[in-house]
Amino acid sequence: MIRKLKSGQYRLYSVKKDPKTHKRRNLGTFDSLSAAKKHEQEVQYFKRH
């Protein structure tokens, strides 16, 4: 899940919430939407291989 921050950057969050904190895990902050999407694809690939 990618969200745009007030600073103009994009942050990648996990889809599931952490059971302890009830918040989504921060998976990285990126300057461009394309960089965030690229990293999201890498994360999905890593989860399945």
N, C-alpha and C. Protein backbone atom coordinates (compact mmCIF):
# COMPACT_ATOMS: atom_id res chain seq x y z
N MET A 1 0.85 -1.16 0.00
CA MET A 1 0.00 0.00 0.00
C MET A 1 0.90 1.24 0.00
N ILE A 2 0.71 2.10 -0.97
CA ILE A 2 1.53 3.30 -1.12
C ILE A 2 0.69 4.53 -0.77
N ARG A 3 1.24 5.37 0.09
CA ARG A 3 0.55 6.61 0.46
C ARG A 3 1.48 7.79 0.22
N LYS A 4 0.91 8.91 -0.18
CA LYS A 4 1.69 10.13 -0.39
C LYS A 4 1.73 10.90 0.92
N LEU A 5 2.92 11.33 1.31
CA LEU A 5 3.11 12.09 2.54
C LEU A 5 2.98 13.58 2.27
N LYS A 6 2.82 14.35 3.32
CA LYS A 6 2.71 15.81 3.18
C LYS A 6 3.97 16.41 2.58
N SER A 7 5.10 15.75 2.79
CA SER A 7 6.38 16.25 2.27
C SER A 7 6.51 16.04 0.77
N GLY A 8 5.58 15.29 0.18
CA GLY A 8 5.64 15.02 -1.25
C GLY A 8 6.27 13.68 -1.58
N GLN A 9 6.80 13.02 -0.56
CA GLN A 9 7.38 11.70 -0.77
C GLN A 9 6.29 10.64 -0.69
N TYR A 10 6.66 9.42 -1.09
CA TYR A 10 5.73 8.30 -1.06
C TYR A 10 6.26 7.24 -0.10
N ARG A 11 5.36 6.66 0.69
CA ARG A 11 5.77 5.65 1.66
C ARG A 11 5.02 4.35 1.37
N LEU A 12 5.77 3.26 1.43
CA LEU A 12 5.21 1.93 1.22
C LEU A 12 4.90 1.31 2.57
N TYR A 13 3.65 0.92 2.76
CA TYR A 13 3.21 0.28 4.00
C TYR A 13 2.80 -1.15 3.72
N SER A 14 2.91 -2.01 4.75
CA SER A 14 2.43 -3.38 4.61
C SER A 14 0.90 -3.36 4.56
N VAL A 15 0.32 -4.38 3.93
CA VAL A 15 -1.13 -4.47 3.82
C VAL A 15 -1.74 -4.87 5.15
N LYS A 16 -1.11 -5.83 5.83
CA LYS A 16 -1.62 -6.29 7.13
C LYS A 16 -1.10 -5.39 8.24
N LYS A 17 -1.90 -5.24 9.29
CA LYS A 17 -1.50 -4.45 10.44
C LYS A 17 -0.72 -5.33 11.42
N ASP A 18 0.23 -4.72 12.12
CA ASP A 18 1.00 -5.43 13.13
C ASP A 18 0.08 -5.74 14.31
N PRO A 19 0.01 -7.01 14.75
CA PRO A 19 -0.92 -7.35 15.84
C PRO A 19 -0.61 -6.65 17.16
N LYS A 20 0.65 -6.30 17.39
CA LYS A 20 1.01 -5.65 18.65
C LYS A 20 0.66 -4.18 18.66
N THR A 21 1.05 -3.46 17.61
CA THR A 21 0.86 -2.01 17.59
C THR A 21 -0.42 -1.58 16.88
N HIS A 22 -1.02 -2.50 16.12
CA HIS A 22 -2.23 -2.22 15.33
C HIS A 22 -1.99 -1.15 14.27
N LYS A 23 -0.73 -1.02 13.83
CA LYS A 23 -0.38 -0.08 12.77
C LYS A 23 0.26 -0.84 11.63
N ARG A 24 0.34 -0.20 10.48
CA ARG A 24 0.96 -0.83 9.32
C ARG A 24 2.47 -0.61 9.37
N ARG A 25 3.22 -1.63 8.93
CA ARG A 25 4.68 -1.55 8.94
C ARG A 25 5.18 -0.66 7.81
N ASN A 26 6.14 0.21 8.12
CA ASN A 26 6.76 1.08 7.12
C ASN A 26 7.79 0.26 6.35
N LEU A 27 7.58 0.13 5.03
CA LEU A 27 8.51 -0.66 4.20
C LEU A 27 9.41 0.23 3.36
N GLY A 28 9.46 1.51 3.65
CA GLY A 28 10.37 2.39 2.94
C GLY A 28 9.72 3.66 2.47
N THR A 29 10.52 4.72 2.35
CA THR A 29 10.06 6.02 1.88
C THR A 29 10.83 6.37 0.61
N PHE A 30 10.12 6.84 -0.41
CA PHE A 30 10.72 7.08 -1.71
C PHE A 30 10.32 8.45 -2.24
N ASP A 31 11.19 9.02 -3.08
CA ASP A 31 10.94 10.35 -3.62
C ASP A 31 9.92 10.34 -4.75
N SER A 32 9.82 9.22 -5.49
CA SER A 32 8.90 9.16 -6.62
C SER A 32 7.95 7.97 -6.47
N LEU A 33 6.79 8.10 -7.09
CA LEU A 33 5.80 7.03 -7.06
C LEU A 33 6.32 5.80 -7.80
N SER A 34 7.05 6.01 -8.89
CA SER A 34 7.57 4.88 -9.66
C SER A 34 8.59 4.08 -8.84
N ALA A 35 9.40 4.77 -8.04
CA ALA A 35 10.37 4.07 -7.19
C ALA A 35 9.65 3.25 -6.12
N ALA A 36 8.57 3.79 -5.58
CA ALA A 36 7.80 3.06 -4.56
C ALA A 36 7.13 1.83 -5.17
N LYS A 37 6.58 1.98 -6.38
CA LYS A 37 5.95 0.83 -7.06
C LYS A 37 6.97 -0.24 -7.38
N LYS A 38 8.17 0.17 -7.78
CA LYS A 38 9.22 -0.78 -8.11
C LYS A 38 9.61 -1.58 -6.87
N HIS A 39 9.74 -0.89 -5.74
CA HIS A 39 10.11 -1.58 -4.51
C HIS A 39 8.99 -2.51 -4.05
N GLU A 40 7.74 -2.10 -4.27
CA GLU A 40 6.61 -2.94 -3.89
C GLU A 40 6.64 -4.25 -4.69
N GLN A 41 6.98 -4.17 -5.98
CA GLN A 41 7.10 -5.39 -6.79
C GLN A 41 8.22 -6.28 -6.27
N GLU A 42 9.34 -5.67 -5.86
CA GLU A 42 10.45 -6.45 -5.31
C GLU A 42 10.04 -7.15 -4.02
N VAL A 43 9.26 -6.47 -3.18
CA VAL A 43 8.80 -7.06 -1.93
C VAL A 43 7.88 -8.24 -2.22
N GLN A 44 6.95 -8.09 -3.17
CA GLN A 44 6.04 -9.17 -3.52
C GLN A 44 6.79 -10.36 -4.08
N TYR A 45 7.82 -10.11 -4.89
CA TYR A 45 8.63 -11.20 -5.46
C TYR A 45 9.34 -11.94 -4.33
N PHE A 46 9.91 -11.19 -3.39
CA PHE A 46 10.66 -11.79 -2.29
C PHE A 46 9.75 -12.66 -1.42
N LYS A 47 8.50 -12.23 -1.23
CA LYS A 47 7.56 -12.99 -0.39
C LYS A 47 7.22 -14.35 -0.99
N ARG A 48 7.32 -14.46 -2.32
CA ARG A 48 6.89 -15.69 -2.99
C ARG A 48 8.03 -16.55 -3.49
N HIS A 49 9.28 -16.14 -3.26
CA HIS A 49 10.43 -16.94 -3.74
C HIS A 49 11.43 -17.18 -2.64
